[in-house]
Amino acid sequence: MSYEIIEVSTKTRQQLIEVTSAIRERVRRSGVNKGVCLIHVPHTTAGITLNENADPSVARDILNTLNRLIPVEGDYTHLEGNAHAHVKASIVGHNAILFIEDGELILGTWQGVFLCEFDGPRRRRILLKIIGE
């Protein structure tokens, strides 16, 4: 069993990019009717999260809150200037699991999947493992 790769080019230093439709498309293409979709972001300064996708202000609020809690400039010992990005990615996380029923992702009404960029702009990868019953 192999995995799918979704490549995303981020545009700014920090942003949340919705990737739900790209994941849905890969699930449909897989032909899996019932199972799970494992999502992994193999980067130390990016993460993955599920949250509201109907109102873009939610993504801004998430970034603004993370920046208040973990500012870009701080008393960090990591010398590359991106310590805040490592901390944010660790808190947000690098993995998600979604159920698949009738060939579709099971998400809440307003839920979407977001790549969380904390040290861009960069080219990022999202790895998907789609497993059927």
C-alpha atoms as a PDB file:
ATOM      1  CA  MET A   1       0.000   0.000   0.000  1.00  0.00           C
ATOM      2  CA  SER A   2       1.528   3.321  -1.070  1.00  0.00           C
ATOM      3  CA  TYR A   3       0.684   6.888  -0.196  1.00  0.00           C
ATOM      4  CA  GLU A   4      -0.473   9.973  -2.072  1.00  0.00           C
ATOM      5  CA  ILE A   5       1.351  13.309  -2.022  1.00  0.00           C
ATOM      6  CA  ILE A   6      -0.307  16.702  -2.215  1.00  0.00           C
ATOM      7  CA  GLU A   7       2.138  19.532  -2.893  1.00  0.00           C
ATOM      8  CA  VAL A   8       1.312  23.033  -1.715  1.00  0.00           C
ATOM      9  CA  SER A   9       3.257  26.226  -2.356  1.00  0.00           C
ATOM     10  CA  THR A  10       2.694  28.654   0.486  1.00  0.00           C
ATOM     11  CA  LYS A  11       2.759  32.373  -0.245  1.00  0.00           C
ATOM     12  CA  THR A  12       3.463  34.082   3.077  1.00  0.00           C
ATOM     13  CA  ARG A  13       5.433  33.484   6.254  1.00  0.00           C
ATOM     14  CA  GLN A  14       2.391  32.235   8.140  1.00  0.00           C
ATOM     15  CA  GLN A  15      -0.904  31.094   6.699  1.00  0.00           C
ATOM     16  CA  LEU A  16      -3.573  28.433   6.874  1.00  0.00           C
ATOM     17  CA  ILE A  17      -4.371  26.923   3.485  1.00  0.00           C
ATOM     18  CA  GLU A  18      -7.477  24.823   3.060  1.00  0.00           C
ATOM     19  CA  VAL A  19      -6.680  21.518   1.374  1.00  0.00           C
ATOM     20  CA  THR A  20      -9.995  19.701   1.871  1.00  0.00           C
ATOM     21  CA  SER A  21     -10.917  19.504  -1.800  1.00  0.00           C
ATOM     22  CA  ALA A  22      -7.499  18.109  -2.763  1.00  0.00           C
ATOM     23  CA  ILE A  23      -7.822  15.406  -0.096  1.00  0.00           C
ATOM     24  CA  ARG A  24     -11.418  14.611  -1.123  1.00  0.00           C
ATOM     25  CA  GLU A  25     -10.294  14.219  -4.724  1.00  0.00           C
ATOM     26  CA  ARG A  26      -7.548  11.743  -3.729  1.00  0.00           C
ATOM     27  CA  VAL A  27     -10.026   9.742  -1.630  1.00  0.00           C
ATOM     28  CA  ARG A  28     -12.497   9.543  -4.526  1.00  0.00           C
ATOM     29  CA  ARG A  29      -9.723   8.491  -6.923  1.00  0.00           C
ATOM     30  CA  SER A  30      -8.614   5.757  -4.519  1.00  0.00           C
ATOM     31  CA  GLY A  31     -11.891   3.915  -4.902  1.00  0.00           C
ATOM     32  CA  VAL A  32     -12.044   3.249  -1.153  1.00  0.00           C
ATOM     33  CA  ASN A  33     -15.688   3.153  -0.103  1.00  0.00           C
ATOM     34  CA  LYS A  34     -15.220   2.692   3.650  1.00  0.00           C
ATOM     35  CA  GLY A  35     -12.044   3.207   5.657  1.00  0.00           C
ATOM     36  CA  VAL A  36      -9.716   5.920   6.902  1.00  0.00           C
ATOM     37  CA  CYS A  37      -7.533   8.631   5.438  1.00  0.00           C
ATOM     38  CA  LEU A  38      -4.322   9.204   7.388  1.00  0.00           C
ATOM     39  CA  ILE A  39      -2.866  12.675   6.854  1.00  0.00           C
ATOM     40  CA  HIS A  40       0.737  13.544   7.703  1.00  0.00           C
ATOM     41  CA  VAL A  41       2.779  16.714   7.185  1.00  0.00           C
ATOM     42  CA  PRO A  42       6.500  15.777   7.200  1.00  0.00           C
ATOM     43  CA  HIS A  43       7.812  19.214   8.144  1.00  0.00           C
ATOM     44  CA  THR A  44       9.026  20.602  11.468  1.00  0.00           C
ATOM     45  CA  THR A  45       7.666  24.114  10.854  1.00  0.00           C
ATOM     46  CA  ALA A  46       4.263  23.248   9.381  1.00  0.00           C
ATOM     47  CA  GLY A  47       1.275  21.308  10.642  1.00  0.00           C
ATOM     48  CA  ILE A  48      -2.236  20.126   9.862  1.00  0.00           C
ATOM     49  CA  THR A  49      -5.513  20.993  11.563  1.00  0.00           C
ATOM     50  CA  LEU A  50      -9.264  20.682  11.116  1.00  0.00           C
ATOM     51  CA  ASN A  51     -11.433  23.700  11.721  1.00  0.00           C
ATOM     52  CA  GLU A  52     -14.178  25.887  10.286  1.00  0.00           C
ATOM     53  CA  ASN A  53     -13.833  26.520   6.576  1.00  0.00           C
ATOM     54  CA  ALA A  54     -16.949  28.662   6.003  1.00  0.00           C
ATOM     55  CA  ASP A  55     -15.557  31.902   7.466  1.00  0.00           C
ATOM     56  CA  PRO A  56     -11.946  32.865   6.595  1.00  0.00           C
ATOM     57  CA  SER A  57     -11.732  34.988   9.743  1.00  0.00           C
ATOM     58  CA  VAL A  58     -11.447  31.762  11.781  1.00  0.00           C
ATOM     59  CA  ALA A  59      -8.085  30.956  10.124  1.00  0.00           C
ATOM     60  CA  ARG A  60      -6.902  34.520  10.829  1.00  0.00           C
ATOM     61  CA  ASP A  61      -8.045  34.212  14.448  1.00  0.00           C
ATOM     62  CA  ILE A  62      -6.112  30.958  14.842  1.00  0.00           C
ATOM     63  CA  LEU A  63      -2.919  32.539  13.481  1.00  0.00           C
ATOM     64  CA  ASN A  64      -3.395  35.718  15.533  1.00  0.00           C
ATOM     65  CA  THR A  65      -3.916  33.705  18.724  1.00  0.00           C
ATOM     66  CA  LEU A  66      -0.888  31.501  18.057  1.00  0.00           C
ATOM     67  CA  ASN A  67       1.183  34.636  17.434  1.00  0.00           C
ATOM     68  CA  ARG A  68       0.078  36.139  20.743  1.00  0.00           C
ATOM     69  CA  LEU A  69       0.909  32.912  22.574  1.00  0.00           C
ATOM     70  CA  ILE A  70       4.111  32.174  20.617  1.00  0.00           C
ATOM     71  CA  PRO A  71       5.440  35.417  19.130  1.00  0.00           C
ATOM     72  CA  VAL A  72       7.818  35.430  16.159  1.00  0.00           C
ATOM     73  CA  GLU A  73      10.371  37.304  18.238  1.00  0.00           C
ATOM     74  CA  GLY A  74      11.023  35.788  21.633  1.00  0.00           C
ATOM     75  CA  ASP A  75      13.590  34.492  24.068  1.00  0.00           C
ATOM     76  CA  TYR A  76      14.486  31.526  21.845  1.00  0.00           C
ATOM     77  CA  THR A  77      17.825  29.715  21.712  1.00  0.00           C
ATOM     78  CA  HIS A  78      17.332  28.198  18.234  1.00  0.00           C
ATOM     79  CA  LEU A  79      19.515  30.383  16.005  1.00  0.00           C
ATOM     80  CA  GLU A  80      17.773  30.026  12.630  1.00  0.00           C
ATOM     81  CA  GLY A  81      15.106  32.620  13.470  1.00  0.00           C
ATOM     82  CA  ASN A  82      12.210  30.201  13.151  1.00  0.00           C
ATOM     83  CA  ALA A  83      11.930  28.783  16.661  1.00  0.00           C
ATOM     84  CA  HIS A  84       8.373  30.115  16.913  1.00  0.00           C
ATOM     85  CA  ALA A  85       7.466  28.016  13.854  1.00  0.00           C
ATOM     86  CA  HIS A  86       8.816  24.825  15.438  1.00  0.00           C
ATOM     87  CA  VAL A  87       6.815  25.464  18.617  1.00  0.00           C
ATOM     88  CA  LYS A  88       3.592  26.284  16.726  1.00  0.00           C
ATOM     89  CA  ALA A  89       3.908  23.179  14.553  1.00  0.00           C
ATOM     90  CA  SER A  90       4.455  21.004  17.628  1.00  0.00           C
ATOM     91  CA  ILE A  91       1.361  22.417  19.303  1.00  0.00           C
ATOM     92  CA  VAL A  92      -0.865  22.163  16.206  1.00  0.00           C
ATOM     93  CA  GLY A  93       0.428  18.716  15.276  1.00  0.00           C
ATOM     94  CA  HIS A  94       1.508  16.916  12.136  1.00  0.00           C
ATOM     95  CA  ASN A  95      -1.184  14.250  11.742  1.00  0.00           C
ATOM     96  CA  ALA A  96      -4.922  13.844  11.321  1.00  0.00           C
ATOM     97  CA  ILE A  97      -7.207  10.866  10.748  1.00  0.00           C
ATOM     98  CA  LEU A  98     -10.463  11.142   8.829  1.00  0.00           C
ATOM     99  CA  PHE A  99     -13.097   8.464   8.348  1.00  0.00           C
ATOM    100  CA  ILE A 100     -14.351   7.527   4.893  1.00  0.00           C
ATOM    101  CA  GLU A 101     -17.956   6.369   4.348  1.00  0.00           C
ATOM    102  CA  ASP A 102     -19.610   5.843   0.961  1.00  0.00           C
ATOM    103  CA  GLY A 103     -16.392   7.014  -0.711  1.00  0.00           C
ATOM    104  CA  GLU A 104     -16.498  10.426   1.012  1.00  0.00           C
ATOM    105  CA  LEU A 105     -14.626  12.033   3.898  1.00  0.00           C
ATOM    106  CA  ILE A 106     -16.684  12.348   7.066  1.00  0.00           C
ATOM    107  CA  LEU A 107     -16.405  15.979   8.179  1.00  0.00           C
ATOM    108  CA  GLY A 108     -18.642  18.251  10.200  1.00  0.00           C
ATOM    109  CA  THR A 109     -20.852  20.741   8.364  1.00  0.00           C
ATOM    110  CA  TRP A 110     -18.361  23.595   8.622  1.00  0.00           C
ATOM    111  CA  GLN A 111     -15.169  21.538   8.928  1.00  0.00           C
ATOM    112  CA  GLY A 112     -12.222  21.708   6.574  1.00  0.00           C
ATOM    113  CA  VAL A 113      -8.624  20.512   6.574  1.00  0.00           C
ATOM    114  CA  PHE A 114      -5.895  23.145   6.698  1.00  0.00           C
ATOM    115  CA  LEU A 115      -2.171  23.049   6.073  1.00  0.00           C
ATOM    116  CA  CYS A 116      -0.646  25.359   8.685  1.00  0.00           C
ATOM    117  CA  GLU A 117       2.410  27.222   7.405  1.00  0.00           C
ATOM    118  CA  PHE A 118       4.542  28.834  10.102  1.00  0.00           C
ATOM    119  CA  ASP A 119       7.839  29.409   8.238  1.00  0.00           C
ATOM    120  CA  GLY A 120       7.055  30.237   4.635  1.00  0.00           C
ATOM    121  CA  PRO A 121       6.902  30.805   1.896  1.00  0.00           C
ATOM    122  CA  ARG A 122       7.883  27.245   1.048  1.00  0.00           C
ATOM    123  CA  ARG A 123       6.875  24.213  -0.949  1.00  0.00           C
ATOM    124  CA  ARG A 124       5.162  21.769   1.417  1.00  0.00           C
ATOM    125  CA  ARG A 125       4.025  18.173   1.124  1.00  0.00           C
ATOM    126  CA  ILE A 126       0.999  16.508   2.631  1.00  0.00           C
ATOM    127  CA  LEU A 127       1.146  12.710   2.708  1.00  0.00           C
ATOM    128  CA  LEU A 128      -2.064  10.682   2.572  1.00  0.00           C
ATOM    129  CA  LYS A 129      -2.486   6.996   3.312  1.00  0.00           C
ATOM    130  CA  ILE A 130      -5.964   5.891   2.281  1.00  0.00           C
ATOM    131  CA  ILE A 131      -6.894   2.533   3.797  1.00  0.00           C
ATOM    132  CA  GLY A 132     -10.068   0.591   3.020  1.00  0.00           C
ATOM    133  CA  GLU A 133     -11.772  -2.014   5.169  1.00  0.00           C
END
